[in-house]
C-alpha atoms as a PDB file:
ATOM      1  CA  HIS A   1      21.282   7.791  15.380  1.00  0.00           C
ATOM      2  CA  SER A   2      22.662   6.462  18.658  1.00  0.00           C
ATOM      3  CA  ASN A   3      21.788   9.735  20.429  1.00  0.00           C
ATOM      4  CA  THR A   4      18.121   9.721  19.423  1.00  0.00           C
ATOM      5  CA  LEU A   5      15.027   7.698  20.165  1.00  0.00           C
ATOM      6  CA  ARG A   6      12.619   7.046  17.276  1.00  0.00           C
ATOM      7  CA  MET A   7       8.900   6.493  17.687  1.00  0.00           C
ATOM      8  CA  HIS A   8       6.780   5.507  14.697  1.00  0.00           C
ATOM      9  CA  SER A   9       3.089   5.501  13.932  1.00  0.00           C
ATOM     10  CA  CYS A  10       1.826   4.260  10.580  1.00  0.00           C
ATOM     11  CA  VAL A  11      -1.423   3.399   8.872  1.00  0.00           C
ATOM     12  CA  SER A  12      -1.769   2.050   5.353  1.00  0.00           C
ATOM     13  CA  TYR A  13      -3.972   0.062   3.052  1.00  0.00           C
ATOM     14  CA  ALA A  14      -3.649  -1.692  -0.260  1.00  0.00           C
ATOM     15  CA  THR A  15      -6.301  -2.866  -2.686  1.00  0.00           C
ATOM     16  CA  LEU A  16      -6.478  -6.256  -4.328  1.00  0.00           C
ATOM     17  CA  LYS A  17      -5.456  -6.761  -7.931  1.00  0.00           C
ATOM     18  CA  GLY A  18      -8.369  -5.972 -10.231  1.00  0.00           C
ATOM     19  CA  HIS A  19      -9.922  -3.405  -7.872  1.00  0.00           C
ATOM     20  CA  LEU A  20     -11.276  -0.290  -9.604  1.00  0.00           C
ATOM     21  CA  PHE A  21      -8.495   1.703  -7.909  1.00  0.00           C
ATOM     22  CA  GLU A  22      -5.413  -0.488  -7.618  1.00  0.00           C
ATOM     23  CA  GLY A  23      -2.690   0.650  -5.287  1.00  0.00           C
ATOM     24  CA  GLU A  24      -1.516   1.534  -1.839  1.00  0.00           C
ATOM     25  CA  GLU A  25      -1.860   4.522   0.489  1.00  0.00           C
ATOM     26  CA  MET A  26       0.304   5.098   3.547  1.00  0.00           C
ATOM     27  CA  LEU A  27       0.617   7.746   6.242  1.00  0.00           C
ATOM     28  CA  ARG A  28       3.573   7.563   8.640  1.00  0.00           C
ATOM     29  CA  VAL A  29       4.781   9.848  11.413  1.00  0.00           C
ATOM     30  CA  ILE A  30       8.241   9.444  12.937  1.00  0.00           C
ATOM     31  CA  TRP A  31       9.296  11.374  16.030  1.00  0.00           C
ATOM     32  CA  GLU A  32      13.022  11.536  16.675  1.00  0.00           C
ATOM     33  CA  LYS A  33      13.957  12.935  20.055  1.00  0.00           C
ATOM     34  CA  PRO A  34      17.285  13.237  21.853  1.00  0.00           C
ATOM     35  CA  LYS A  35      18.080  10.653  24.525  1.00  0.00           C
ATOM     36  CA  ASN A  36      19.853  13.099  26.788  1.00  0.00           C
ATOM     37  CA  VAL A  37      18.228  15.773  28.908  1.00  0.00           C
ATOM     38  CA  GLU A  38      20.672  18.477  27.766  1.00  0.00           C
ATOM     39  CA  ASN A  39      18.734  18.751  24.491  1.00  0.00           C
ATOM     40  CA  CYS A  40      15.479  19.649  26.241  1.00  0.00           C
ATOM     41  CA  ASP A  41      14.187  23.126  27.036  1.00  0.00           C
ATOM     42  CA  GLU A  42      13.164  24.465  30.458  1.00  0.00           C
ATOM     43  CA  ASN A  43       9.789  22.687  30.235  1.00  0.00           C
ATOM     44  CA  ASN A  44      11.538  19.359  29.514  1.00  0.00           C
ATOM     45  CA  ARG A  45      10.318  19.373  25.909  1.00  0.00           C
ATOM     46  CA  SER A  46      12.467  17.678  23.350  1.00  0.00           C
ATOM     47  CA  ASN A  47      14.029  19.640  20.536  1.00  0.00           C
ATOM     48  CA  GLY A  48      13.762  16.594  18.303  1.00  0.00           C
ATOM     49  CA  ARG A  49      12.215  16.433  14.862  1.00  0.00           C
ATOM     50  CA  VAL A  50       9.059  15.042  13.309  1.00  0.00           C
ATOM     51  CA  ILE A  51       9.068  13.318   9.931  1.00  0.00           C
ATOM     52  CA  PHE A  52       5.733  13.068   8.146  1.00  0.00           C
ATOM     53  CA  GLU A  53       5.357  10.832   5.094  1.00  0.00           C
ATOM     54  CA  LEU A  54       2.409  10.384   2.755  1.00  0.00           C
ATOM     55  CA  LEU A  55       2.633   7.759   0.048  1.00  0.00           C
ATOM     56  CA  SER A  56       0.135   7.174  -2.724  1.00  0.00           C
ATOM     57  CA  LEU A  57       0.783   4.562  -5.368  1.00  0.00           C
ATOM     58  CA  SER A  58      -2.606   4.224  -6.986  1.00  0.00           C
ATOM     59  CA  GLN A  59      -4.009   3.986 -10.477  1.00  0.00           C
ATOM     60  CA  GLY A  60      -7.350   3.381 -12.095  1.00  0.00           C
ATOM     61  CA  LYS A  61      -7.957  -0.123 -13.428  1.00  0.00           C
ATOM     62  CA  GLY A  62      -9.684  -0.419 -16.792  1.00  0.00           C
ATOM     63  CA  LEU A  63     -11.492   2.359 -18.633  1.00  0.00           C
ATOM     64  CA  ARG A  64     -13.995   3.090 -15.838  1.00  0.00           C
ATOM     65  CA  GLY A  65     -11.263   3.122 -13.212  1.00  0.00           C
ATOM     66  CA  LYS A  66      -9.018   5.428 -15.229  1.00  0.00           C
ATOM     67  CA  ILE A  67     -11.866   7.916 -15.794  1.00  0.00           C
ATOM     68  CA  ALA A  68     -12.957   7.821 -12.141  1.00  0.00           C
ATOM     69  CA  PHE A  69      -9.363   8.097 -10.950  1.00  0.00           C
ATOM     70  CA  LYS A  70      -8.746  11.156 -13.105  1.00  0.00           C
ATOM     71  CA  LEU A  71     -11.916  12.816 -11.784  1.00  0.00           C
ATOM     72  CA  GLY A  72     -10.998  12.049  -8.169  1.00  0.00           C
ATOM     73  CA  SER A  73      -7.320  13.009  -8.311  1.00  0.00           C
ATOM     74  CA  LYS A  74      -7.938  16.676  -7.378  1.00  0.00           C
ATOM     75  CA  MET A  75      -9.939  15.576  -4.347  1.00  0.00           C
ATOM     76  CA  GLN A  76      -7.151  13.174  -3.371  1.00  0.00           C
ATOM     77  CA  MET A  77      -4.495  15.889  -3.659  1.00  0.00           C
ATOM     78  CA  LYS A  78      -6.664  18.207  -1.525  1.00  0.00           C
ATOM     79  CA  PHE A  79      -6.913  15.469   1.115  1.00  0.00           C
ATOM     80  CA  PHE A  80      -3.126  15.004   1.174  1.00  0.00           C
ATOM     81  CA  GLN A  81      -2.536  18.761   1.416  1.00  0.00           C
ATOM     82  CA  GLU A  82      -4.967  18.986   4.340  1.00  0.00           C
ATOM     83  CA  GLN A  83      -3.112  16.147   6.085  1.00  0.00           C
ATOM     84  CA  ALA A  84       0.237  17.897   5.603  1.00  0.00           C
ATOM     85  CA  ASP A  85      -1.181  21.239   6.806  1.00  0.00           C
ATOM     86  CA  THR A  86      -2.612  19.565   9.920  1.00  0.00           C
ATOM     87  CA  MET A  87       0.729  17.956  10.740  1.00  0.00           C
ATOM     88  CA  VAL A  88       2.492  21.321  10.431  1.00  0.00           C
ATOM     89  CA  LYS A  89      -0.051  22.888  12.802  1.00  0.00           C
ATOM     90  CA  LEU A  90       0.419  20.075  15.325  1.00  0.00           C
ATOM     91  CA  VAL A  91       4.185  20.365  15.258  1.00  0.00           C
ATOM     92  CA  GLN A  92       4.005  24.148  15.629  1.00  0.00           C
ATOM     93  CA  SER A  93       1.620  23.874  18.600  1.00  0.00           C
ATOM     94  CA  GLU A  94       4.639  23.229  20.871  1.00  0.00           C
ATOM     95  CA  GLY A  95       3.840  19.547  21.292  1.00  0.00           C
ATOM     96  CA  SER A  96       0.533  20.142  23.032  1.00  0.00           C
ATOM     97  CA  GLY A  97      -1.393  17.888  20.657  1.00  0.00           C
ATOM     98  CA  ILE A  98      -3.939  20.688  20.236  1.00  0.00           C
ATOM     99  CA  ILE A  99      -4.334  22.309  16.839  1.00  0.00           C
ATOM    100  CA  LYS A 100      -4.292  26.096  17.148  1.00  0.00           C
ATOM    101  CA  SER A 101      -6.441  27.818  14.532  1.00  0.00           C
END
């Protein structure tokens, strides 16, 4: 990707072994934009791309953890879907950083 610049932003956490919910969660956004001005529009906005990654490697530990994890998995999936939907709205808002409802 010698013709693109990549900017990353990432947040993640991991639990310790033996925690009720063992695992790791990560959210990463990568913005790839062209280095040259020819790939920009009349407002000098890049026609690059945004990569959005959500990672969840979690499991319940022990009987209590497995039961609680199963009960909370729908809520977790809803959270991830909301994150993905928000990223799509941000990208579609023409780079303004403002979510249009």
